[in-house]
Amino acid sequence: MNNNTEPAGEAYKALHFIEEIIEKDLAEGKNQSRVHTRFPPEPNGYLHIGHAKSICLNFGLAERYNGLCNLRFDDTNPEKEEQEYVDSIMEDVSWLGFRWEGEPRYASDYFDQLYAWSEMLILRGKAYVDDQSQEVISEQRGTPTRPGTESPFRSRSVEENLDLFRRMRAGEFPNGARVLRAKVDMASPNMHMRDPILYRILHSEHHRTGDKWCIYPMYDWAHGQSDYLEGITHSICTLEFEIHRPLYDWFLDQIVEPGAYRPRQIEFARLNVSYTVMSKRKLLQLVQEGIVNGWDDPRMPTISGLRRRGYTPESLRRFADLVGVAKRDNVIEVDLLEYAIREDLNKRATRVMAVLDPLKVVITNYPEDRTEEMETVNNPEDEAAGQRLIPFSREIWIEREDFMEEPPSKFFRLAPGREVRLKSAYIIRCDEVVKDGQGHITELRCSYDPDTRSGSGTDRKVKGTIHWVSASHAIDAEVRIYDRLFMDADPDGHKDKEFKDFLNPESLRVIPHAKLEPGLSLVNHGERYQFIRLGYFCADKDSTPGKPVFNRTVTLKETWKKA
């Protein structure tokens, strides 16, 4: 597992292996010295952080080599695909800061051409209609160490195959009755070369083509040919498709003239992140079972979930850059993702006062009818961020954990008889602790030193500084404290348990009445702030005027305690 959470200096970055391949191709003049990539998601779910890496890689390579990158939807399975997913994918790619070449493409754009090429394969004796069930076909494929058994329908005549295939298209047969298979090699050690299925019958309406088709191409048949039709030069995919590459090339051999342009498939390691599942099927399960509140739940590793949580496109691109491009699968610590967003928000987020667990403080020697405006810095990391004024009055809220009746030796916050500085305000001393009938602390009575106003140049120092909010000016806000969805670093890696067995019961804690400084009353969805001493937070889409809702994006430092 990669344990790097803070990268070393990056004065020089060597080329990764895909860049080396591209530069060699360019030097040799392959494909007219063009670079044309594509990002080809299947619209059967929302994109996740692993897709973000692929997006950054494909679009980034096109940018680096002054090339083009297409967005193409692999929409060959109408039973699982929806327009909602298409729309979300386009939003995610755009939000990450990338622009695809021309209009979005779809595998369904090429259904007519794919069908025509299928008839061509039949006429050349390289494809046949098989009447056997999927179960029988799978059994006949054999094992990696045992050759497959040829279908009894493999020797059908060209005329019979062509007739049956056309009748399949015409809708004469029910689902599962027949398939079209390529005639490759049933003895190949590569199972994907053992007469792969090209088309299956599927009487299902397509989100773009409607009921025009009742047969649909398989991924392997549609993918490489779509690359070819779009002029793709480098077809970059994850390692699980490495074993598919011989078939990718065999299909291209059937339609590309020797020496002519052809795309090249290159595989890289997919992104795996600790404390996360990356399977779209399992993410869909979390959504459908109500374990999370939709695909954009801030606990989800989806791009929409990370966006709602407060991640920036810059931080995800930075994360992808830090992860790099590898040839072997590995697991990246989620700490690195959190480092990337902290690094970004530290530079851009306005510092504000927010009290999540409020304890009332009454400053007894401060005039009851007085309000002062205290100047505070918006962001010490950004000189251009400027300052703002926040109100200060006799009654304030502080964090309950910033007071202890019997503090340990290294506790430098408020305690009976002790002093503490209020951020951007005064030094106060706790004089009295007020409790209710059950002994719970309800209020602190304090006094302030009027000569210690922040910025006044006083020389008197105290060890502790805490944040606060004026009680009479504070607004109520709902704050959602999100934590990791899983308690185990590898929730998918246990043979004797299901990934849901490792769900974190404390992945969401809702604080209904946090106290915030008044300037946060009218926040816009997506605005990001640092709550001083508490973490980085983002205004949620559920916010309404006067009643903001904030999601915690990340803590100020790594606080996760691993079991």
Protein backbone atom coordinates (compact mmCIF):
# COMPACT_ATOMS: atom_id res chain seq x y z
CA MET A 1 0.00 0.00 0.00
CA ASN A 2 1.31 3.46 -0.89
CA ASN A 3 1.74 5.34 2.39
CA ASN A 4 2.89 8.67 0.95
CA THR A 5 0.68 11.45 2.30
CA GLU A 6 2.99 14.39 1.63
CA PRO A 7 4.83 14.30 -1.68
CA ALA A 8 8.47 15.20 -1.97
CA GLY A 9 9.69 18.02 -4.18
CA GLU A 10 8.67 17.84 -7.82
CA ALA A 11 11.38 19.83 -9.54
CA TYR A 12 11.50 17.32 -12.39
CA LYS A 13 9.09 14.63 -13.43
CA ALA A 14 10.23 11.83 -15.69
CA LEU A 15 7.97 10.68 -18.48
CA HIS A 16 5.62 7.89 -17.50
CA PHE A 17 5.44 4.82 -19.71
CA ILE A 18 2.44 5.99 -21.77
CA GLU A 19 4.17 9.27 -22.55
CA GLU A 20 7.25 7.31 -23.63
CA ILE A 21 5.07 5.24 -26.01
CA ILE A 22 3.44 8.35 -27.44
CA GLU A 23 6.74 10.15 -27.94
CA LYS A 24 8.17 7.12 -29.74
CA ASP A 25 5.08 6.96 -31.98
CA LEU A 26 5.39 10.66 -32.76
CA ALA A 27 9.09 10.31 -33.53
CA GLU A 28 8.32 7.45 -35.94
CA GLY A 29 5.51 9.41 -37.60
CA LYS A 30 2.79 6.89 -36.77
CA ASN A 31 -0.80 7.90 -37.54
CA GLN A 32 0.37 11.14 -39.17
CA SER A 33 2.11 12.07 -35.88
CA ARG A 34 -1.28 12.71 -34.28
CA VAL A 35 -2.38 12.18 -30.69
CA HIS A 36 -6.10 11.55 -30.33
CA THR A 37 -7.43 9.97 -27.13
CA ARG A 38 -10.90 9.32 -25.77
CA PHE A 39 -12.71 8.85 -22.47
CA PRO A 40 -15.34 6.12 -23.05
CA PRO A 41 -17.55 5.59 -19.95
CA GLU A 42 -20.58 3.34 -19.91
CA PRO A 43 -23.60 5.43 -18.83
CA ASN A 44 -24.78 2.94 -16.21
CA GLY A 45 -23.88 4.92 -13.09
CA TYR A 46 -22.13 8.02 -11.81
CA LEU A 47 -18.40 8.46 -12.26
CA HIS A 48 -16.09 7.93 -9.27
CA ILE A 49 -12.59 9.00 -8.28
CA GLY A 50 -11.08 6.21 -10.39
CA HIS A 51 -12.76 7.66 -13.47
CA ALA A 52 -11.38 11.08 -12.49
CA LYS A 53 -7.86 9.69 -12.86
CA SER A 54 -8.72 8.28 -16.30
CA ILE A 55 -10.28 11.59 -17.35
CA CYS A 56 -7.20 13.51 -16.24
CA LEU A 57 -4.93 11.05 -18.05
CA ASN A 58 -6.79 11.00 -21.38
CA PHE A 59 -7.53 14.70 -21.58
CA GLY A 60 -4.14 15.58 -20.09
CA LEU A 61 -2.24 13.61 -22.73
CA ALA A 62 -4.22 15.29 -25.48
CA GLU A 63 -3.39 18.70 -24.03
CA ARG A 64 0.29 17.87 -23.57
CA TYR A 65 0.75 16.74 -27.15
CA ASN A 66 -1.55 19.32 -28.79
CA GLY A 67 -3.99 16.58 -29.66
CA LEU A 68 -7.68 15.89 -29.28
CA CYS A 69 -9.77 13.94 -26.79
CA ASN A 70 -13.28 12.63 -27.40
CA LEU A 71 -15.99 11.92 -24.89
CA ARG A 72 -17.70 8.74 -26.06
CA PHE A 73 -20.43 6.87 -24.27
CA ASP A 74 -20.26 3.09 -24.47
CA ASP A 75 -24.04 2.73 -24.67
CA THR A 76 -24.39 -0.88 -25.80
CA ASN A 77 -26.50 -2.16 -22.88
CA PRO A 78 -29.87 -0.36 -22.83
CA GLU A 79 -31.10 -2.33 -19.80
CA LYS A 80 -28.67 -0.53 -17.48
CA GLU A 81 -28.14 2.83 -19.15
CA GLU A 82 -30.04 6.06 -18.55
CA GLN A 83 -29.95 9.65 -19.76
CA GLU A 84 -29.46 10.72 -16.14
CA TYR A 85 -26.07 9.03 -16.16
CA VAL A 86 -25.13 10.61 -19.49
CA ASP A 87 -25.94 14.07 -18.14
CA SER A 88 -24.02 13.47 -14.90
CA ILE A 89 -20.93 12.27 -16.77
CA MET A 90 -20.85 15.34 -18.99
CA GLU A 91 -21.24 17.56 -15.93
CA ASP A 92 -18.38 15.78 -14.13
CA VAL A 93 -15.96 16.02 -17.06
CA SER A 94 -16.76 19.71 -17.55
CA TRP A 95 -16.45 20.43 -13.82
CA LEU A 96 -12.99 18.86 -13.78
CA GLY A 97 -12.03 21.50 -16.31
CA PHE A 98 -11.83 19.50 -19.54
CA ARG A 99 -13.44 20.06 -22.93
CA TRP A 100 -13.98 17.23 -25.36
CA GLU A 101 -13.55 17.43 -29.09
CA GLY A 102 -16.78 18.35 -30.87
CA GLU A 103 -20.05 16.88 -29.69
CA PRO A 104 -20.17 13.87 -27.36
CA ARG A 105 -19.93 10.60 -29.26
CA TYR A 106 -21.85 7.39 -28.61
CA ALA A 107 -21.17 3.79 -29.57
CA SER A 108 -24.78 3.83 -30.75
CA ASP A 109 -23.71 6.34 -33.43
CA TYR A 110 -21.92 3.43 -35.08
CA PHE A 111 -24.55 0.69 -34.78
CA ASP A 112 -25.24 0.70 -38.52
CA GLN A 113 -21.55 0.42 -39.39
CA LEU A 114 -20.95 -2.27 -36.77
CA TYR A 115 -23.85 -4.25 -38.20
CA ALA A 116 -22.45 -3.88 -41.73
CA TRP A 117 -19.03 -5.08 -40.59
CA SER A 118 -20.70 -8.04 -38.88
CA GLU A 119 -22.30 -9.09 -42.15
CA MET A 120 -18.88 -8.69 -43.78
CA LEU A 121 -17.38 -11.11 -41.23
CA ILE A 122 -20.16 -13.61 -41.97
CA LEU A 123 -19.53 -13.32 -45.72
CA ARG A 124 -15.83 -13.96 -45.11
CA GLY A 125 -16.60 -17.02 -43.01
CA LYS A 126 -15.35 -15.37 -39.82
CA ALA A 127 -18.62 -15.14 -37.90
CA TYR A 128 -21.53 -17.48 -37.32
CA VAL A 129 -24.90 -17.60 -35.56
CA ASP A 130 -24.97 -19.89 -32.53
CA ASP A 131 -28.28 -21.22 -31.20
CA GLN A 132 -26.87 -22.40 -27.88
CA SER A 133 -27.61 -20.79 -24.56
CA GLN A 134 -25.09 -18.57 -22.78
CA GLU A 135 -24.57 -21.27 -20.17
CA VAL A 136 -23.70 -23.92 -22.77
CA ILE A 137 -21.39 -21.53 -24.64
CA SER A 138 -19.57 -20.70 -21.41
CA GLU A 139 -19.14 -24.38 -20.59
CA GLN A 140 -17.82 -25.14 -24.08
CA ARG A 141 -15.15 -22.44 -23.79
CA GLY A 142 -13.19 -24.74 -21.47
CA THR A 143 -10.58 -23.43 -19.05
CA PRO A 144 -7.26 -21.60 -19.47
CA THR A 145 -5.52 -25.00 -19.33
CA ARG A 146 -8.09 -26.97 -21.35
CA PRO A 147 -9.07 -26.09 -24.96
CA GLY A 148 -12.64 -25.21 -25.70
CA THR A 149 -15.14 -27.29 -27.66
CA GLU A 150 -16.35 -25.98 -30.99
CA SER A 151 -20.03 -25.19 -31.27
CA PRO A 152 -22.06 -27.60 -33.43
CA PHE A 153 -23.27 -24.50 -35.30
CA ARG A 154 -19.75 -23.29 -36.14
CA SER A 155 -19.88 -24.98 -39.57
CA ARG A 156 -23.10 -23.34 -40.71
CA SER A 157 -23.02 -22.03 -44.24
CA VAL A 158 -22.49 -18.38 -45.00
CA GLU A 159 -25.98 -18.16 -46.47
CA GLU A 160 -27.66 -19.66 -43.40
CA ASN A 161 -25.67 -17.43 -41.01
CA LEU A 162 -26.50 -14.32 -42.99
CA ASP A 163 -30.19 -15.21 -43.11
CA LEU A 164 -30.37 -15.93 -39.37
CA PHE A 165 -28.45 -12.78 -38.46
CA ARG A 166 -30.79 -10.62 -40.52
CA ARG A 167 -33.77 -12.32 -38.91
CA MET A 168 -32.21 -11.64 -35.49
CA ARG A 169 -32.13 -7.96 -36.42
CA ALA A 170 -35.71 -8.12 -37.67
CA GLY A 171 -36.87 -9.26 -34.24
CA GLU A 172 -38.00 -12.78 -35.10
CA PHE A 173 -36.34 -14.41 -32.08
CA PRO A 174 -36.71 -13.90 -28.33
CA ASN A 175 -33.97 -12.78 -25.96
CA GLY A 176 -31.27 -15.41 -25.55
CA ALA A 177 -32.38 -17.51 -28.51
CA ARG A 178 -29.29 -16.85 -30.65
CA VAL A 179 -26.01 -14.93 -30.66
CA LEU A 180 -23.54 -13.95 -33.34
CA ARG A 181 -20.00 -15.18 -32.61
CA ALA A 182 -16.67 -14.45 -34.23
CA LYS A 183 -14.85 -17.52 -35.55
CA VAL A 184 -11.38 -17.13 -34.02
CA ASP A 185 -9.69 -20.00 -32.13
CA MET A 186 -11.35 -22.30 -29.60
CA ALA A 187 -7.92 -23.65 -28.58
CA SER A 188 -6.40 -20.25 -27.81
CA PRO A 189 -4.85 -19.94 -24.32
CA ASN A 190 -6.59 -16.56 -24.14
CA MET A 191 -10.21 -17.28 -23.22
CA HIS A 192 -11.36 -14.05 -24.88
CA MET A 193 -10.22 -15.40 -28.26
CA ARG A 194 -12.43 -18.50 -28.07
CA ASP A 195 -15.13 -17.44 -30.51
CA PRO A 196 -16.30 -14.31 -28.64
CA ILE A 197 -19.88 -13.14 -28.87
CA LEU A 198 -20.39 -10.12 -31.15
CA TYR A 199 -24.16 -9.61 -30.81
CA ARG A 200 -26.92 -10.74 -28.47
CA ILE A 201 -30.67 -10.39 -28.82
CA LEU A 202 -32.08 -7.82 -26.43
CA HIS A 203 -35.60 -6.53 -26.91
CA SER A 204 -35.11 -3.36 -24.90
CA GLU A 205 -35.62 0.29 -25.82
CA HIS A 206 -32.41 2.28 -26.08
CA HIS A 207 -32.17 5.74 -24.55
CA ARG A 208 -31.02 7.17 -27.91
CA THR A 209 -32.05 4.78 -30.68
CA GLY A 210 -35.44 3.84 -29.23
CA ASP A 211 -36.75 0.54 -30.62
CA LYS A 212 -34.71 0.62 -33.84
CA TRP A 213 -32.54 -2.25 -32.66
CA CYS A 214 -33.28 -5.50 -30.87
CA ILE A 215 -29.72 -6.80 -31.20
CA TYR A 216 -26.84 -5.01 -29.51
CA PRO A 217 -23.07 -5.34 -29.96
CA MET A 218 -20.86 -6.55 -27.14
CA TYR A 219 -18.28 -4.21 -25.65
CA ASP A 220 -15.27 -5.87 -27.30
CA TRP A 221 -16.84 -5.62 -30.75
CA ALA A 222 -18.00 -2.02 -30.36
CA HIS A 223 -15.02 -0.55 -28.56
CA GLY A 224 -12.08 -0.91 -30.91
CA GLN A 225 -14.19 -0.25 -33.98
CA SER A 226 -15.50 2.96 -32.40
CA ASP A 227 -11.90 3.98 -31.74
CA TYR A 228 -11.10 3.33 -35.40
CA LEU A 229 -14.07 5.30 -36.70
CA GLU A 230 -13.14 8.28 -34.55
CA GLY A 231 -9.48 8.33 -35.55
CA ILE A 232 -8.26 7.49 -32.05
CA THR A 233 -4.51 6.92 -31.96
CA HIS A 234 -4.00 5.79 -28.36
CA SER A 235 -6.82 3.83 -26.73
CA ILE A 236 -5.94 4.02 -23.03
CA CYS A 237 -7.73 1.71 -20.61
CA THR A 238 -7.17 -0.01 -17.28
CA LEU A 239 -5.28 -3.23 -16.70
CA GLU A 240 -8.27 -5.54 -16.61
CA PHE A 241 -8.53 -5.00 -20.38
CA GLU A 242 -4.97 -6.15 -21.07
CA ILE A 243 -6.19 -9.68 -21.74
CA HIS A 244 -8.72 -8.23 -24.21
CA ARG A 245 -5.99 -6.58 -26.32
CA PRO A 246 -5.35 -9.56 -28.66
CA LEU A 247 -9.06 -9.55 -29.49
CA TYR A 248 -9.01 -5.75 -29.93
CA ASP A 249 -6.21 -6.22 -32.46
CA TRP A 250 -7.88 -9.21 -34.19
CA PHE A 251 -11.04 -7.22 -34.78
CA LEU A 252 -9.03 -4.33 -36.22
CA ASP A 253 -7.18 -6.77 -38.47
CA GLN A 254 -10.52 -7.60 -40.10
CA ILE A 255 -11.33 -4.03 -41.09
CA VAL A 256 -7.98 -2.18 -41.39
CA GLU A 257 -5.73 -2.46 -44.41
CA PRO A 258 -2.10 -3.42 -43.62
CA GLY A 259 0.04 -0.34 -43.03
CA ALA A 260 -2.95 1.99 -42.69
CA TYR A 261 -3.94 4.01 -39.65
CA ARG A 262 -5.08 2.00 -36.65
CA PRO A 263 -5.57 2.75 -32.95
CA ARG A 264 -3.36 1.17 -30.30
CA GLN A 265 -4.62 -0.07 -26.94
CA ILE A 266 -2.45 0.73 -23.90
CA GLU A 267 -3.28 -0.38 -20.36
CA PHE A 268 -2.45 1.32 -17.07
CA ALA A 269 -3.17 0.50 -13.42
CA ARG A 270 -6.62 1.44 -12.24
CA LEU A 271 -6.95 3.65 -9.18
CA ASN A 272 -7.77 1.90 -5.91
CA VAL A 273 -8.17 4.01 -2.77
CA SER A 274 -8.17 2.72 0.79
CA TYR A 275 -11.40 2.79 2.85
CA THR A 276 -13.36 2.87 -0.42
CA VAL A 277 -15.16 0.60 -2.87
CA MET A 278 -14.87 1.41 -6.57
CA SER A 279 -17.33 -1.03 -8.10
CA LYS A 280 -20.23 0.81 -9.76
CA ARG A 281 -22.39 -2.20 -8.98
CA LYS A 282 -21.63 -1.90 -5.27
CA LEU A 283 -22.02 1.86 -5.30
CA LEU A 284 -25.42 1.39 -6.93
CA GLN A 285 -26.26 -1.08 -4.17
CA LEU A 286 -25.45 1.54 -1.53
CA VAL A 287 -27.79 3.97 -3.29
CA GLN A 288 -30.65 1.55 -3.92
CA GLU A 289 -30.60 0.18 -0.35
CA GLY A 290 -30.69 3.68 1.14
CA ILE A 291 -27.34 3.26 2.90
CA VAL A 292 -26.35 6.61 1.41
CA ASN A 293 -28.53 9.49 0.24
CA GLY A 294 -28.03 9.18 -3.50
CA TRP A 295 -25.08 9.12 -5.87
CA ASP A 296 -23.96 12.57 -4.69
CA ASP A 297 -23.94 11.69 -0.99
CA PRO A 298 -20.73 13.34 0.30
CA ARG A 299 -19.56 9.98 1.67
CA MET A 300 -19.53 8.45 -1.80
CA PRO A 301 -16.33 8.31 -3.88
CA THR A 302 -18.28 9.61 -6.87
CA ILE A 303 -17.13 12.84 -8.46
CA SER A 304 -20.55 14.34 -7.71
CA GLY A 305 -20.26 13.23 -4.07
CA LEU A 306 -16.77 14.69 -3.73
CA ARG A 307 -17.97 17.92 -5.38
CA ARG A 308 -20.87 18.20 -2.93
CA ARG A 309 -18.53 17.49 -0.05
CA GLY A 310 -16.39 20.45 -1.07
CA TYR A 311 -13.57 18.99 -3.15
CA THR A 312 -12.33 21.27 -5.91
CA PRO A 313 -11.54 20.20 -9.47
CA GLU A 314 -8.00 21.44 -8.89
CA SER A 315 -7.58 19.11 -5.91
CA LEU A 316 -8.74 16.06 -7.86
CA ARG A 317 -6.44 16.89 -10.76
CA ARG A 318 -3.63 17.37 -8.25
CA PHE A 319 -4.44 14.00 -6.68
CA ALA A 320 -4.34 12.30 -10.07
CA ASP A 321 -0.96 13.91 -10.71
CA LEU A 322 0.41 12.78 -7.34
CA VAL A 323 -0.80 9.21 -7.89
CA GLY A 324 0.93 9.03 -11.25
CA VAL A 325 0.59 6.40 -13.96
CA ALA A 326 1.67 2.87 -13.14
CA LYS A 327 1.74 -0.51 -14.86
CA ARG A 328 0.75 -2.53 -11.79
CA ASP A 329 -2.32 -2.20 -9.61
CA ASN A 330 -1.80 -0.81 -6.13
CA VAL A 331 -3.81 0.85 -3.39
CA ILE A 332 -3.41 4.55 -2.69
CA GLU A 333 -4.00 5.76 0.85
CA VAL A 334 -7.04 8.01 1.12
CA ASP A 335 -4.75 10.31 3.14
CA LEU A 336 -3.18 11.42 -0.15
CA LEU A 337 -6.57 12.50 -1.48
CA GLU A 338 -7.21 14.41 1.74
CA TYR A 339 -3.76 15.99 1.51
CA ALA A 340 -4.58 17.25 -1.99
CA ILE A 341 -7.78 19.01 -0.88
CA ARG A 342 -6.18 20.46 2.27
CA GLU A 343 -3.33 21.84 0.21
CA ASP A 344 -5.78 23.48 -2.20
CA LEU A 345 -8.27 24.85 0.33
CA ASN A 346 -5.53 26.19 2.57
CA LYS A 347 -4.68 28.61 -0.23
CA ARG A 348 -8.21 29.64 -1.18
CA ALA A 349 -10.65 29.16 1.71
CA THR A 350 -11.79 32.15 3.78
CA ARG A 351 -11.29 31.64 7.54
CA VAL A 352 -14.53 32.09 9.48
CA MET A 353 -15.82 31.66 13.03
CA ALA A 354 -18.13 28.73 13.72
CA VAL A 355 -18.99 27.03 17.00
CA LEU A 356 -20.31 23.48 16.68
CA ASP A 357 -20.86 22.60 20.34
CA PRO A 358 -21.75 25.97 21.88
CA LEU A 359 -21.14 27.01 25.47
CA LYS A 360 -22.37 30.46 26.55
CA VAL A 361 -19.84 32.96 27.90
CA VAL A 362 -21.00 36.17 29.57
CA ILE A 363 -18.32 38.87 29.83
CA THR A 364 -19.51 40.54 33.02
CA ASN A 365 -17.44 43.74 32.79
CA TYR A 366 -18.34 44.38 29.14
CA PRO A 367 -21.18 46.93 28.59
CA GLU A 368 -24.52 45.21 27.90
CA ASP A 369 -25.53 47.57 25.08
CA ARG A 370 -22.18 47.69 23.33
CA THR A 371 -21.18 46.03 20.05
CA GLU A 372 -17.75 46.35 18.49
CA GLU A 373 -16.57 45.45 15.01
CA MET A 374 -13.43 43.36 15.14
CA GLU A 375 -11.13 43.20 12.12
CA THR A 376 -9.94 39.76 11.14
CA VAL A 377 -7.90 38.37 8.25
CA ASN A 378 -9.79 36.42 5.61
CA ASN A 379 -6.91 34.15 4.67
CA PRO A 380 -3.35 34.50 5.99
CA GLU A 381 -2.12 32.43 3.02
CA ASP A 382 -3.51 34.93 0.50
CA GLU A 383 -2.44 38.55 0.80
CA ALA A 384 -5.12 39.62 -1.68
CA ALA A 385 -7.93 38.10 0.41
CA GLY A 386 -8.10 41.19 2.65
CA GLN A 387 -9.91 41.59 5.96
CA ARG A 388 -13.48 41.72 7.19
CA LEU A 389 -15.32 42.94 10.29
CA ILE A 390 -17.11 40.63 12.70
CA PRO A 391 -19.33 41.75 15.63
CA PHE A 392 -18.29 41.31 19.26
CA SER A 393 -20.64 41.70 22.22
CA ARG A 394 -21.08 40.93 25.92
CA GLU A 395 -22.35 37.37 25.34
CA ILE A 396 -20.50 35.00 23.08
CA TRP A 397 -20.45 31.31 22.19
CA ILE A 398 -17.30 29.21 22.50
CA GLU A 399 -16.67 25.52 21.88
CA ARG A 400 -17.55 23.43 24.91
CA GLU A 401 -14.30 21.51 24.55
CA ASP A 402 -12.36 24.77 24.93
CA PHE A 403 -13.21 24.80 28.64
CA MET A 404 -12.23 22.34 31.36
CA GLU A 405 -12.88 22.63 35.08
CA GLU A 406 -9.88 20.50 35.97
CA PRO A 407 -7.49 20.86 33.06
CA PRO A 408 -4.36 18.74 32.56
CA SER A 409 -0.97 20.41 32.62
CA LYS A 410 -0.77 21.07 28.86
CA PHE A 411 -4.30 22.37 28.43
CA PHE A 412 -3.89 26.01 27.38
CA ARG A 413 -7.51 26.96 26.81
CA LEU A 414 -10.10 28.28 29.23
CA ALA A 415 -10.35 27.02 32.84
CA PRO A 416 -11.37 28.54 36.19
CA GLY A 417 -9.03 31.44 36.96
CA ARG A 418 -7.21 31.08 33.63
CA GLU A 419 -6.96 33.43 30.69
CA VAL A 420 -7.28 32.85 26.98
CA ARG A 421 -7.26 35.11 23.95
CA LEU A 422 -10.37 35.31 21.81
CA LYS A 423 -9.29 35.21 18.17
CA SER A 424 -9.13 38.78 16.75
CA ALA A 425 -10.63 40.18 19.98
CA TYR A 426 -9.65 40.36 23.68
CA ILE A 427 -8.08 38.32 26.44
CA ILE A 428 -10.68 37.00 28.88
CA ARG A 429 -10.45 35.26 32.28
CA CYS A 430 -12.92 32.68 33.60
CA ASP A 431 -14.25 33.86 36.98
CA GLU A 432 -17.29 31.64 37.58
CA VAL A 433 -18.83 28.40 36.29
CA VAL A 434 -22.64 28.19 36.22
CA LYS A 435 -24.30 24.74 36.36
CA ASP A 436 -27.84 23.42 36.24
CA GLY A 437 -29.51 21.12 38.79
CA GLN A 438 -27.86 18.04 37.23
CA GLY A 439 -24.40 19.54 37.47
CA HIS A 440 -24.06 20.30 33.76
CA ILE A 441 -22.18 23.46 32.85
CA THR A 442 -24.58 25.93 31.25
CA GLU A 443 -22.62 29.17 31.28
CA LEU A 444 -19.26 30.74 32.07
CA ARG A 445 -18.89 34.15 33.70
CA CYS A 446 -15.75 35.85 32.50
CA SER A 447 -14.08 39.25 32.53
CA TYR A 448 -12.09 40.86 29.75
CA ASP A 449 -9.03 43.10 29.67
CA PRO A 450 -9.97 46.14 27.56
CA ASP A 451 -6.31 46.91 26.89
CA THR A 452 -5.76 43.66 24.99
CA ARG A 453 -7.82 44.25 21.90
CA SER A 454 -6.29 42.39 18.97
CA GLY A 455 -4.09 44.65 16.90
CA SER A 456 -3.74 47.25 19.63
CA GLY A 457 -0.07 46.47 20.15
CA THR A 458 -0.38 45.15 23.71
CA ASP A 459 2.60 43.18 24.92
CA ARG A 460 0.65 40.88 27.22
CA LYS A 461 0.61 37.33 25.93
CA VAL A 462 -1.31 34.19 26.84
CA LYS A 463 -0.66 30.67 25.59
CA GLY A 464 -4.11 29.84 24.27
CA THR A 465 -6.26 31.35 21.50
CA ILE A 466 -9.81 30.14 20.81
CA HIS A 467 -12.53 31.03 18.33
CA TRP A 468 -15.94 32.43 19.26
CA VAL A 469 -19.17 33.90 17.86
CA SER A 470 -21.20 36.81 19.21
CA ALA A 471 -24.36 35.28 20.70
CA SER A 472 -26.67 38.12 19.69
CA HIS A 473 -25.43 38.11 16.10
CA ALA A 474 -24.88 34.38 15.52
CA ILE A 475 -26.93 32.48 12.98
CA ASP A 476 -28.05 28.89 13.34
CA ALA A 477 -26.78 26.42 10.80
CA GLU A 478 -26.97 22.71 10.21
CA VAL A 479 -23.52 21.17 10.00
CA ARG A 480 -22.98 17.66 8.70
CA ILE A 481 -19.82 15.97 9.91
CA TYR A 482 -18.87 13.35 7.35
CA ASP A 483 -16.31 10.67 7.98
CA ARG A 484 -15.13 7.69 6.00
CA LEU A 485 -17.92 5.39 4.89
CA PHE A 486 -15.96 2.25 5.76
CA MET A 487 -13.95 1.36 8.86
CA ASP A 488 -11.69 -1.13 7.06
CA ALA A 489 -8.94 -0.08 4.68
CA ASP A 490 -9.95 -2.82 2.24
CA PRO A 491 -13.71 -3.43 2.63
CA ASP A 492 -13.73 -5.40 -0.62
CA GLY A 493 -10.88 -7.70 0.28
CA HIS A 494 -12.43 -10.16 2.73
CA LYS A 495 -13.62 -13.50 1.34
CA ASP A 496 -15.61 -14.38 4.45
CA LYS A 497 -17.39 -11.02 4.78
CA GLU A 498 -19.41 -8.64 2.65
CA PHE A 499 -18.17 -5.11 2.03
CA LYS A 500 -21.22 -3.73 3.85
CA ASP A 501 -20.05 -5.45 7.03
CA PHE A 502 -17.44 -2.71 7.34
CA LEU A 503 -19.76 0.29 7.10
CA ASN A 504 -18.88 3.03 9.57
CA PRO A 505 -21.94 3.75 11.78
CA GLU A 506 -20.48 7.20 12.52
CA SER A 507 -19.87 8.21 8.91
CA LEU A 508 -22.44 11.02 9.32
CA ARG A 509 -23.16 13.13 12.39
CA VAL A 510 -25.61 16.01 12.08
CA ILE A 511 -25.30 19.12 14.25
CA PRO A 512 -28.66 20.89 13.88
CA HIS A 513 -27.87 24.17 15.66
CA ALA A 514 -24.27 25.22 15.16
CA LYS A 515 -23.53 28.91 15.76
CA LEU A 516 -21.90 30.81 12.89
CA GLU A 517 -20.81 34.37 12.37
CA PRO A 518 -23.56 36.43 10.67
CA GLY A 519 -21.75 36.87 7.35
CA LEU A 520 -22.51 33.23 6.52
CA SER A 521 -26.27 33.78 6.50
CA LEU A 522 -26.50 34.03 2.71
CA VAL A 523 -23.95 31.57 1.36
CA ASN A 524 -24.10 30.11 -2.11
CA HIS A 525 -24.11 26.39 -2.79
CA GLY A 526 -20.54 25.17 -3.17
CA GLU A 527 -18.81 28.01 -1.32
CA ARG A 528 -15.91 26.69 0.75
CA TYR A 529 -14.60 27.95 4.07
CA GLN A 530 -12.21 27.02 6.80
CA PHE A 531 -14.02 26.96 10.12
CA ILE A 532 -11.14 28.14 12.28
CA ARG A 533 -9.60 25.25 14.23
CA LEU A 534 -12.34 22.85 13.06
CA GLY A 535 -11.72 21.97 9.42
CA TYR A 536 -12.80 22.84 5.91
CA PHE A 537 -16.51 23.07 5.14
CA CYS A 538 -18.67 23.56 2.06
CA ALA A 539 -22.14 25.06 1.73
CA ASP A 540 -24.56 22.28 0.73
CA LYS A 541 -27.30 22.47 -1.88
CA ASP A 542 -29.85 22.08 0.93
CA SER A 543 -28.99 25.58 2.21
CA THR A 544 -31.78 28.16 2.26
CA PRO A 545 -31.60 31.95 2.91
CA GLY A 546 -30.85 32.48 6.58
CA LYS A 547 -30.47 28.75 7.23
CA PRO A 548 -27.22 27.48 5.73
CA VAL A 549 -26.23 23.84 5.67
CA PHE A 550 -22.53 22.98 5.66
CA ASN A 551 -20.73 19.72 4.94
CA ARG A 552 -17.34 19.04 6.44
CA THR A 553 -14.96 18.43 3.57
CA VAL A 554 -11.92 17.41 5.58
CA THR A 555 -10.30 18.04 8.95
CA LEU A 556 -7.38 20.45 9.30
CA LYS A 557 -5.04 17.50 9.76
CA GLU A 558 -5.26 13.71 9.69
CA THR A 559 -7.28 12.65 12.71
CA TRP A 560 -8.49 9.19 11.68
CA LYS A 561 -7.67 6.56 14.28
CA LYS A 562 -7.16 3.22 12.62
CA ALA A 563 -8.27 0.18 14.60
